[in-house]
Amino acid sequence: MADHNSNDPLQGVTLKTILSELVGQFGWEEMGRTVDIRCFTHEPSISSSLKFLRRTPWARDKVEEMYLRWKMGSL
């Protein structure tokens, strides 16, 4: 039987949802200032950003951290 009481606050939240909500809230320009990666600053798109973030764990970690800070009200 699976444990449904995970301590992971991102449990069940997809990377696409995280990215879409952040872009909707802050826009690409602010995203690029907060997480300085090229896919946010040069011709950004959800599709290209998802490809990069899925291959680059350190960048994904930064985006997930930004999302959690925003959701907790500290951004």
N, C-alpha and C. Protein backbone atom coordinates (compact mmCIF):
# COMPACT_ATOMS: atom_id res chain seq x y z
N MET A 1 0.85 -1.18 0.00
CA MET A 1 0.00 0.00 0.00
C MET A 1 0.90 1.25 0.00
N ALA A 2 0.60 2.20 -0.84
CA ALA A 2 1.40 3.41 -0.96
C ALA A 2 1.12 4.37 0.19
N ASP A 3 2.15 5.09 0.56
CA ASP A 3 2.02 6.11 1.61
C ASP A 3 1.55 7.41 0.96
N HIS A 4 0.36 7.85 1.28
CA HIS A 4 -0.21 9.06 0.67
C HIS A 4 0.10 10.32 1.47
N ASN A 5 0.85 10.21 2.52
CA ASN A 5 1.18 11.36 3.36
C ASN A 5 2.63 11.77 3.13
N SER A 6 2.94 12.20 1.94
CA SER A 6 4.29 12.59 1.58
C SER A 6 4.64 13.93 2.20
N ASN A 7 5.91 14.09 2.55
CA ASN A 7 6.39 15.37 3.07
C ASN A 7 6.84 16.30 1.93
N ASP A 8 6.77 15.82 0.71
CA ASP A 8 7.19 16.61 -0.45
C ASP A 8 6.09 17.60 -0.83
N PRO A 9 6.32 18.90 -0.67
CA PRO A 9 5.29 19.89 -1.01
C PRO A 9 4.99 19.96 -2.50
N LEU A 10 5.85 19.40 -3.32
CA LEU A 10 5.64 19.41 -4.77
C LEU A 10 4.99 18.12 -5.27
N GLN A 11 4.63 17.24 -4.36
CA GLN A 11 4.00 15.97 -4.73
C GLN A 11 2.76 16.23 -5.58
N GLY A 12 2.73 15.65 -6.77
CA GLY A 12 1.58 15.78 -7.65
C GLY A 12 1.55 17.04 -8.50
N VAL A 13 2.53 17.93 -8.34
CA VAL A 13 2.58 19.17 -9.12
C VAL A 13 3.59 18.96 -10.25
N THR A 14 3.15 19.09 -11.49
CA THR A 14 4.06 18.86 -12.61
C THR A 14 4.96 20.07 -12.85
N LEU A 15 6.08 19.81 -13.49
CA LEU A 15 6.99 20.89 -13.85
C LEU A 15 6.30 21.89 -14.78
N LYS A 16 5.46 21.41 -15.67
CA LYS A 16 4.74 22.30 -16.58
C LYS A 16 3.81 23.23 -15.79
N THR A 17 3.14 22.70 -14.78
CA THR A 17 2.26 23.53 -13.94
C THR A 17 3.08 24.57 -13.19
N ILE A 18 4.19 24.15 -12.61
CA ILE A 18 5.06 25.07 -11.87
C ILE A 18 5.50 26.21 -12.78
N LEU A 19 6.02 25.87 -13.94
CA LEU A 19 6.53 26.88 -14.87
C LEU A 19 5.41 27.79 -15.36
N SER A 20 4.28 27.21 -15.72
CA SER A 20 3.16 28.01 -16.22
C SER A 20 2.66 29.00 -15.17
N GLU A 21 2.54 28.55 -13.93
CA GLU A 21 2.07 29.44 -12.86
C GLU A 21 3.07 30.55 -12.58
N LEU A 22 4.37 30.22 -12.57
CA LEU A 22 5.38 31.25 -12.32
C LEU A 22 5.41 32.28 -13.44
N VAL A 23 5.35 31.82 -14.68
CA VAL A 23 5.36 32.76 -15.81
C VAL A 23 4.11 33.62 -15.78
N GLY A 24 2.98 33.03 -15.45
CA GLY A 24 1.74 33.79 -15.35
C GLY A 24 1.80 34.84 -14.25
N GLN A 25 2.45 34.53 -13.17
CA GLN A 25 2.55 35.45 -12.03
C GLN A 25 3.63 36.51 -12.22
N PHE A 26 4.81 36.10 -12.70
CA PHE A 26 5.96 36.99 -12.74
C PHE A 26 6.37 37.43 -14.14
N GLY A 27 6.06 36.64 -15.16
CA GLY A 27 6.50 36.95 -16.52
C GLY A 27 7.92 36.45 -16.75
N TRP A 28 8.27 36.35 -18.03
CA TRP A 28 9.59 35.83 -18.39
C TRP A 28 10.73 36.72 -17.91
N GLU A 29 10.53 38.03 -17.99
CA GLU A 29 11.61 38.95 -17.61
C GLU A 29 12.01 38.76 -16.14
N GLU A 30 11.03 38.72 -15.26
CA GLU A 30 11.31 38.52 -13.83
C GLU A 30 11.86 37.12 -13.57
N MET A 31 11.34 36.14 -14.30
CA MET A 31 11.86 34.77 -14.16
C MET A 31 13.35 34.75 -14.50
N GLY A 32 13.72 35.44 -15.57
CA GLY A 32 15.12 35.50 -15.99
C GLY A 32 16.00 36.22 -15.00
N ARG A 33 15.46 37.20 -14.30
CA ARG A 33 16.24 37.89 -13.26
C ARG A 33 16.40 37.01 -12.03
N THR A 34 15.37 36.28 -11.68
CA THR A 34 15.40 35.45 -10.48
C THR A 34 16.22 34.19 -10.69
N VAL A 35 16.01 33.54 -11.82
CA VAL A 35 16.75 32.33 -12.17
C VAL A 35 17.44 32.63 -13.50
N ASP A 36 18.70 32.99 -13.44
CA ASP A 36 19.42 33.48 -14.61
C ASP A 36 19.83 32.32 -15.52
N ILE A 37 18.88 31.90 -16.36
CA ILE A 37 19.18 30.88 -17.36
C ILE A 37 18.67 31.37 -18.71
N ARG A 38 19.40 31.02 -19.73
CA ARG A 38 19.16 31.54 -21.07
C ARG A 38 17.74 31.25 -21.59
N CYS A 39 17.18 30.11 -21.24
CA CYS A 39 15.85 29.77 -21.77
C CYS A 39 14.77 30.71 -21.22
N PHE A 40 15.09 31.48 -20.19
CA PHE A 40 14.15 32.48 -19.66
C PHE A 40 14.42 33.88 -20.22
N THR A 41 15.62 34.10 -20.76
CA THR A 41 16.00 35.45 -21.16
C THR A 41 16.09 35.65 -22.67
N HIS A 42 16.21 34.59 -23.44
CA HIS A 42 16.36 34.71 -24.90
C HIS A 42 15.29 33.87 -25.60
N GLU A 43 14.31 34.54 -26.16
CA GLU A 43 13.20 33.88 -26.86
C GLU A 43 12.57 32.77 -26.01
N PRO A 44 12.09 33.12 -24.82
CA PRO A 44 11.56 32.10 -23.90
C PRO A 44 10.24 31.50 -24.38
N SER A 45 10.05 30.25 -24.04
CA SER A 45 8.78 29.56 -24.28
C SER A 45 8.66 28.45 -23.24
N ILE A 46 7.45 28.06 -22.98
CA ILE A 46 7.21 26.96 -22.04
C ILE A 46 7.91 25.70 -22.55
N SER A 47 7.74 25.41 -23.83
CA SER A 47 8.29 24.19 -24.41
C SER A 47 9.82 24.12 -24.28
N SER A 48 10.52 25.17 -24.69
CA SER A 48 11.99 25.13 -24.62
C SER A 48 12.47 25.12 -23.18
N SER A 49 11.77 25.82 -22.31
CA SER A 49 12.15 25.85 -20.90
C SER A 49 11.96 24.48 -20.26
N LEU A 50 10.86 23.81 -20.58
CA LEU A 50 10.63 22.48 -20.03
C LEU A 50 11.73 21.51 -20.47
N LYS A 51 12.12 21.56 -21.73
CA LYS A 51 13.18 20.69 -22.22
C LYS A 51 14.47 20.92 -21.44
N PHE A 52 14.84 22.18 -21.26
CA PHE A 52 16.06 22.51 -20.54
C PHE A 52 15.97 22.08 -19.08
N LEU A 53 14.88 22.41 -18.42
CA LEU A 53 14.74 22.10 -16.99
C LEU A 53 14.71 20.60 -16.73
N ARG A 54 14.16 19.84 -17.63
CA ARG A 54 14.12 18.38 -17.45
C ARG A 54 15.50 17.75 -17.58
N ARG A 55 16.41 18.41 -18.31
CA ARG A 55 17.77 17.89 -18.50
C ARG A 55 18.77 18.47 -17.51
N THR A 56 18.38 19.51 -16.78
CA THR A 56 19.34 20.27 -15.98
C THR A 56 18.86 20.35 -14.53
N PRO A 57 19.25 19.40 -13.71
CA PRO A 57 18.74 19.34 -12.33
C PRO A 57 18.97 20.61 -11.50
N TRP A 58 20.12 21.27 -11.62
CA TRP A 58 20.36 22.46 -10.80
C TRP A 58 19.38 23.58 -11.16
N ALA A 59 19.06 23.71 -12.44
CA ALA A 59 18.13 24.76 -12.87
C ALA A 59 16.71 24.42 -12.41
N ARG A 60 16.34 23.16 -12.54
CA ARG A 60 15.02 22.73 -12.07
C ARG A 60 14.88 22.98 -10.57
N ASP A 61 15.93 22.69 -9.82
CA ASP A 61 15.90 22.93 -8.38
C ASP A 61 15.64 24.40 -8.06
N LYS A 62 16.28 25.30 -8.81
CA LYS A 62 16.09 26.73 -8.59
C LYS A 62 14.65 27.17 -8.91
N VAL A 63 14.08 26.62 -9.98
CA VAL A 63 12.71 26.96 -10.35
C VAL A 63 11.73 26.42 -9.31
N GLU A 64 11.96 25.20 -8.86
CA GLU A 64 11.09 24.62 -7.83
C GLU A 64 11.20 25.40 -6.52
N GLU A 65 12.40 25.85 -6.19
CA GLU A 65 12.59 26.66 -4.98
C GLU A 65 11.85 27.99 -5.11
N MET A 66 11.91 28.61 -6.28
CA MET A 66 11.19 29.87 -6.51
C MET A 66 9.69 29.65 -6.35
N TYR A 67 9.19 28.56 -6.90
CA TYR A 67 7.77 28.23 -6.82
C TYR A 67 7.34 28.06 -5.36
N LEU A 68 8.12 27.31 -4.59
CA LEU A 68 7.77 27.08 -3.19
C LEU A 68 7.82 28.38 -2.39
N ARG A 69 8.82 29.23 -2.64
CA ARG A 69 8.89 30.52 -1.94
C ARG A 69 7.67 31.37 -2.27
N TRP A 70 7.27 31.39 -3.54
CA TRP A 70 6.09 32.15 -3.96
C TRP A 70 4.84 31.61 -3.29
N LYS A 71 4.66 30.30 -3.30
CA LYS A 71 3.47 29.69 -2.72
C LYS A 71 3.40 29.91 -1.21
N MET A 72 4.56 30.02 -0.57
CA MET A 72 4.60 30.25 0.88
C MET A 72 4.52 31.73 1.23
N GLY A 73 4.50 32.58 0.21
CA GLY A 73 4.35 34.01 0.45
C GLY A 73 5.63 34.74 0.78
N SER A 74 6.78 34.12 0.51
CA SER A 74 8.03 34.79 0.84
C SER A 74 8.74 35.31 -0.40
N LEU A 75 8.01 35.45 -1.49
CA LEU A 75 8.58 36.01 -2.71
C LEU A 75 7.75 37.20 -3.15
